[in-house]
Protein backbone atom coordinates (compact mmCIF):
# COMPACT_ATOMS: atom_id res chain seq x y z
CA MET A 1 16.86 7.93 55.84
CA ALA A 2 17.14 8.95 52.21
CA ALA A 3 20.66 7.53 52.07
CA ALA A 4 19.32 4.12 53.06
CA LYS A 5 17.49 4.00 49.72
CA ARG A 6 20.87 3.47 48.07
CA VAL A 7 20.94 0.02 49.71
CA THR A 8 19.13 -2.45 47.48
CA GLN A 9 17.47 -5.68 48.50
CA LYS A 10 19.92 -7.48 46.21
CA ALA A 11 22.87 -5.98 48.06
CA LEU A 12 21.42 -7.08 51.39
CA ARG A 13 20.70 -10.54 50.01
CA ASP A 14 24.19 -10.93 48.52
CA ALA A 15 25.84 -9.90 51.80
CA GLY A 16 23.63 -12.31 53.68
CA GLU A 17 24.56 -15.13 51.30
CA ALA A 18 28.24 -14.38 51.90
CA ALA A 19 27.75 -14.50 55.67
CA LEU A 20 25.80 -17.77 55.54
CA ALA A 21 28.45 -19.32 53.31
CA GLY A 22 31.12 -18.51 55.89
CA ARG A 23 32.69 -15.66 53.90
CA THR A 24 32.65 -13.44 56.96
CA GLU A 25 35.14 -10.75 55.91
CA GLU A 26 33.28 -10.18 52.65
CA ALA A 27 29.98 -9.92 54.55
CA LEU A 28 31.44 -7.55 57.14
CA GLU A 29 32.68 -5.17 54.48
CA ALA A 30 29.37 -5.21 52.60
CA PHE A 31 27.19 -4.79 55.66
CA GLY A 32 29.52 -2.09 57.01
CA TRP A 33 29.05 0.00 53.87
CA MET A 34 25.27 -0.43 54.03
CA VAL A 35 25.18 0.59 57.68
CA GLU A 36 27.04 3.77 56.75
CA GLN A 37 24.24 4.42 54.25
CA GLY A 38 21.69 4.13 57.07
CA SER A 39 20.33 0.62 56.52
CA ALA A 40 18.83 -0.71 59.75
CA ALA A 41 18.39 -4.18 58.20
CA ALA A 42 22.11 -4.33 57.44
CA ALA A 43 22.79 -3.08 60.97
CA ALA A 44 20.97 -6.10 62.41
CA SER A 45 23.11 -8.48 60.37
CA LEU A 46 26.31 -6.62 61.24
CA ALA A 47 25.37 -6.69 64.94
CA GLU A 48 25.06 -10.49 64.78
CA LEU A 49 28.43 -10.98 63.10
CA SER A 50 30.05 -8.45 65.42
CA ALA A 51 28.72 -10.23 68.50
CA PHE A 52 30.39 -13.49 67.46
CA ARG A 53 33.60 -11.54 66.84
CA GLY A 54 33.42 -9.88 70.26
CA ASP A 55 33.16 -6.37 68.80
CA TRP A 56 30.72 -5.06 71.39
CA PRO A 57 30.95 -1.33 70.56
CA GLN A 58 29.83 -2.22 67.04
CA VAL A 59 27.06 -4.40 68.45
CA VAL A 60 25.69 -1.48 70.49
CA ARG A 61 25.87 0.89 67.54
CA CYS A 62 24.12 -1.48 65.14
CA ALA A 63 21.54 -2.90 67.53
CA ARG A 64 20.57 0.66 68.44
CA MET A 65 19.84 1.35 64.75
CA LEU A 66 17.56 -1.66 64.38
CA ILE A 67 15.52 -1.18 67.55
CA ALA A 68 14.86 2.40 66.45
CA GLU A 69 13.54 1.09 63.11
CA PRO A 70 12.00 -2.33 63.82
CA THR A 71 9.98 -2.41 60.59
CA ALA A 72 13.26 -2.68 58.64
CA VAL A 73 12.94 -6.45 59.21
CA TYR A 74 9.85 -8.64 59.05
CA ALA A 75 10.50 -11.13 61.88
CA GLY A 76 9.97 -9.86 65.40
CA ASN A 77 12.63 -12.14 66.83
CA VAL A 78 15.31 -10.04 65.08
CA PHE A 79 14.22 -7.09 67.25
CA GLU A 80 14.26 -9.35 70.29
CA ASP A 81 17.74 -10.60 69.46
CA MET A 82 19.00 -7.01 69.22
CA VAL A 83 17.60 -6.29 72.68
CA GLN A 84 19.29 -9.39 74.07
CA LEU A 85 22.57 -8.43 72.40
CA LEU A 86 22.44 -4.97 73.94
CA ALA A 87 22.02 -6.56 77.36
CA LEU A 88 24.89 -8.94 76.64
CA ALA A 89 27.06 -6.00 75.52
CA GLY A 90 26.62 -4.50 78.99
CA HIS A 91 27.84 -7.71 80.57
CA GLU A 92 30.78 -7.73 78.16
CA GLY A 93 31.99 -4.34 79.36
CA GLU A 94 30.10 -1.77 77.31
CA PRO A 95 28.81 1.12 79.48
CA TRP A 96 25.37 0.39 80.85
CA GLU A 97 24.60 4.05 80.16
CA SER A 98 25.03 3.30 76.43
CA VAL A 99 22.67 0.34 76.70
CA GLY A 100 20.09 2.46 78.51
CA ALA A 101 20.48 5.25 75.95
CA ALA A 102 19.84 2.76 73.14
CA ALA A 103 16.64 1.62 74.86
CA ALA A 104 15.51 5.23 75.35
CA HIS A 105 16.30 6.02 71.71
CA GLY A 106 14.19 3.06 70.63
CA LEU A 107 11.29 4.15 72.82
CA ASP A 108 11.39 7.67 71.40
CA ALA A 109 11.46 6.34 67.84
CA LEU A 110 8.61 3.93 68.60
CA GLU A 111 6.45 6.74 69.96
CA ALA A 112 6.89 8.67 66.71
CA SER A 113 6.40 5.65 64.42
CA ASP A 114 3.25 4.52 62.64
CA THR A 115 3.44 1.05 64.23
CA CYS A 116 0.02 -0.24 65.30
CA GLU A 117 -1.03 0.16 68.92
CA HIS A 118 -0.51 -3.53 69.68
CA GLY A 119 2.95 -3.46 68.14
CA ARG A 120 3.93 -0.32 70.03
CA HIS A 121 2.81 -1.89 73.29
CA HIS A 122 4.69 -5.15 72.65
CA LEU A 123 7.92 -3.56 71.49
CA GLY A 124 7.68 -0.82 74.10
CA THR A 125 7.34 -3.38 76.89
CA ILE A 126 10.56 -5.07 75.75
CA LEU A 127 12.44 -1.78 75.47
CA GLU A 128 11.25 -0.70 78.91
CA ALA A 129 12.53 -4.02 80.27
CA LEU A 130 15.90 -3.32 78.63
CA ALA A 131 15.99 0.19 80.08
CA GLY A 132 15.31 -1.21 83.55
CA TYR A 133 17.96 -3.88 83.05
CA ALA A 134 20.52 -1.22 82.14
CA GLU A 135 19.52 0.83 85.16
CA ARG A 136 20.10 -2.24 87.36
CA ARG A 137 23.44 -2.68 85.58
CA GLY A 138 22.64 -6.21 84.54
CA GLU A 139 21.20 -7.44 87.81
CA GLY A 140 18.28 -9.90 87.53
CA PRO A 141 15.61 -10.62 86.59
CA HIS A 142 17.22 -11.43 83.26
CA GLU A 143 14.12 -12.14 81.18
CA LEU A 144 13.87 -9.23 78.75
CA VAL A 145 11.90 -10.50 75.78
CA ARG A 146 8.83 -11.67 77.70
CA PRO A 147 9.15 -10.09 81.14
CA GLY A 148 6.77 -11.32 83.77
CA GLY A 149 5.61 -14.31 81.73
CA PRO A 150 3.29 -16.85 83.37
CA PRO A 151 4.93 -19.70 85.30
CA GLN A 152 4.88 -23.13 83.71
CA GLY A 153 2.02 -25.28 84.90
CA PRO A 154 2.17 -28.77 86.39
CA ILE A 155 3.10 -31.71 84.17
CA ASP A 156 0.46 -34.33 83.41
CA LEU A 157 2.63 -37.45 83.16
CA ASP A 158 -0.33 -39.68 82.30
CA GLU A 159 -1.11 -37.45 79.35
CA TYR A 160 2.53 -37.56 78.29
CA ARG A 161 2.72 -41.36 78.48
CA ASP A 162 -0.53 -41.66 76.53
CA GLY A 163 0.87 -39.37 73.85
CA VAL A 164 4.00 -41.53 73.59
CA ASP A 165 2.45 -45.00 73.90
CA ASP A 166 -0.41 -44.30 71.49
CA VAL A 167 1.42 -41.87 69.23
CA LEU A 168 0.28 -43.55 66.02
CA VAL A 169 -3.31 -43.54 67.26
CA HIS A 170 -3.16 -39.80 67.84
CA ARG A 171 -0.94 -39.09 64.82
CA PRO A 172 -1.61 -41.80 62.20
CA ASN A 173 -0.02 -39.53 59.58
CA LEU A 174 3.38 -40.35 61.12
CA LYS A 175 3.16 -44.05 60.25
CA GLY A 176 6.00 -45.03 57.95
CA LYS A 177 7.80 -41.72 58.56
CA PRO A 178 10.50 -42.56 61.12
CA ASP A 179 12.26 -39.18 61.09
CA GLN A 180 9.06 -37.20 61.59
CA LEU A 181 7.96 -39.65 64.27
CA ALA A 182 11.28 -39.26 66.09
CA ARG A 183 11.00 -35.46 66.01
CA HIS A 184 7.40 -35.61 67.25
CA LEU A 185 8.33 -37.83 70.20
CA PHE A 186 11.23 -35.52 70.97
CA ALA A 187 8.88 -32.52 70.89
CA LEU A 188 6.56 -34.26 73.36
CA ALA A 189 9.48 -34.75 75.73
CA VAL A 190 10.29 -31.03 75.45
CA VAL A 191 6.71 -29.87 76.01
CA TYR A 192 6.27 -32.18 79.00
CA ARG A 193 9.74 -31.31 80.35
CA GLN A 194 11.22 -34.80 80.38
CA PRO A 195 14.99 -34.21 80.04
CA ASP A 196 16.00 -37.87 80.21
CA ASP A 197 13.63 -38.73 77.38
CA MET A 198 14.84 -35.72 75.37
CA VAL A 199 18.43 -36.93 75.52
CA ALA A 200 17.51 -40.55 74.84
CA ARG A 201 15.33 -39.71 71.83
CA PHE A 202 17.92 -37.33 70.41
CA PHE A 203 20.70 -39.92 70.44
CA ASP A 204 18.40 -42.78 69.39
CA ALA A 205 17.67 -40.98 66.11
CA PRO A 206 20.48 -38.43 65.58
CA GLU A 207 19.98 -38.37 61.82
CA ALA A 208 16.45 -37.00 62.35
CA MET A 209 17.54 -34.15 64.61
CA ASP A 210 18.60 -30.68 63.51
CA PHE A 211 19.80 -27.50 65.18
CA ASP A 212 16.60 -26.74 67.11
CA GLN A 213 16.61 -30.14 68.77
CA ALA A 214 20.34 -29.82 69.43
CA VAL A 215 19.74 -26.58 71.34
CA GLU A 216 17.21 -28.28 73.61
CA VAL A 217 19.50 -31.22 74.30
CA ALA A 218 22.55 -29.02 74.81
CA ARG A 219 20.75 -27.15 77.59
CA VAL A 220 20.07 -30.44 79.35
CA LEU A 221 23.67 -31.57 78.91
CA VAL A 222 25.00 -28.28 80.29
CA ASP A 223 22.76 -28.67 83.33
CA ARG A 224 24.25 -32.14 83.81
CA GLY A 225 27.78 -30.78 83.70
CA GLU A 226 28.49 -32.26 80.25
CA ALA A 227 29.62 -29.06 78.54
CA PRO A 228 32.02 -30.68 76.00
CA ARG A 229 29.29 -33.06 74.86
CA ALA A 230 26.82 -30.18 74.64
CA TRP A 231 29.13 -28.21 72.35
CA ALA A 232 29.80 -31.26 70.18
CA VAL A 233 26.04 -31.69 69.66
CA LEU A 234 25.63 -28.03 68.69
CA ALA A 235 28.70 -27.76 66.47
CA GLU A 236 27.69 -30.79 64.42
CA ARG A 237 24.33 -29.22 63.61
CA ILE A 238 25.28 -25.61 62.89
CA PRO A 239 24.87 -26.29 59.15
CA SER A 240 21.21 -27.16 59.78
CA TRP A 241 20.48 -23.83 61.50
CA TRP A 242 18.02 -21.85 59.40
CA PRO A 243 17.21 -18.11 59.53
CA VAL A 244 13.59 -16.94 59.62
CA ASP A 245 14.47 -13.44 58.39
CA ASP A 246 16.88 -12.29 55.70
CA ALA A 247 18.65 -10.15 58.30
CA GLN A 248 19.55 -13.20 60.38
CA VAL A 249 22.99 -14.52 59.52
CA ALA A 250 24.05 -16.51 62.62
CA PRO A 251 22.42 -18.60 65.36
CA MET A 252 22.12 -15.93 68.03
CA VAL A 253 20.68 -18.36 70.57
CA LEU A 254 24.25 -19.57 71.15
CA LEU A 255 25.05 -16.14 72.61
CA THR A 256 21.73 -14.98 74.05
CA ASP A 257 20.81 -18.20 75.88
CA ARG A 258 22.26 -18.00 79.38
CA SER A 259 22.88 -21.78 79.51
CA LEU A 260 24.65 -21.98 76.15
CA ARG A 261 26.62 -18.73 76.19
CA PRO A 262 29.51 -20.09 78.34
CA LEU A 263 30.14 -22.76 75.69
CA VAL A 264 31.04 -20.19 73.03
CA THR A 265 34.73 -19.40 73.37
CA PRO A 266 36.28 -16.97 70.86
CA GLU A 267 37.62 -19.97 68.94
CA ARG A 268 34.22 -21.60 68.81
CA ALA A 269 32.58 -18.32 67.82
CA ALA A 270 34.98 -18.13 64.86
CA GLN A 271 34.10 -21.73 64.04
CA VAL A 272 30.40 -20.81 63.91
CA LEU A 273 31.01 -17.93 61.50
CA ALA A 274 33.25 -20.07 59.28
CA THR A 275 30.64 -22.85 59.01
CA ALA A 276 28.26 -22.73 56.04
CA ARG A 277 24.76 -22.65 57.46
CA GLY A 278 21.16 -21.97 56.55
CA HIS A 279 20.47 -22.69 52.91
CA ALA A 280 24.24 -22.43 52.32
CA GLY A 281 24.92 -25.29 54.75
């Protein structure tokens, strides 16, 4: 751990900037050096880049480092992404025994950490789900991040229509703000699970939609058998993807989402890494 102190926040930030700007080789070299110094934060970033490059042994090595030291990053979804990548590595041919060993290593490290009781329970539940997934050799259920979550309730269509028809009554602050209004109406369609309205609202106001909305619409298009259109929607909005943690350098949802993953060919994965994104986009 002492060696990790040689890795400065500036070095991590500079490598992240290179990755977001599409300078992948430069970022790989920088993150690789930092991982050798023991930086778990750099390992998370290197795992993301390596996943898009199809380097699954490196993904397992780096994701294992981060899940054993989750406080190296500040956003919990980085930890969750590493868990999902470990599961994906198993499906991509890495030994399930290695995936299970990574989960066990994370559980051992968590037990010895000073993480609060709530945090240990939350992270431990996810790691136990990963361990079980590895033991089943990738057989379902496939939900690892929130295993056993509650089923979605019934949809109140009257409530949805009221929210749409009287939107400016409920949200007068959206008057005169067409882009925000379009995103709000789109969000209502997502919450109330109205796929036709999601697609219609997305393409009625494409200039108001960014990567998050594109992901939702792409899922619908994939379900409809419109995979080329789904990828076109996503590719156009990769520049608008935004990380929520400095360790995040690529839109992992493209790989970890079971609906979207088949869209990402090696050529498209390279396209993602070459596209300036986040604040560099």
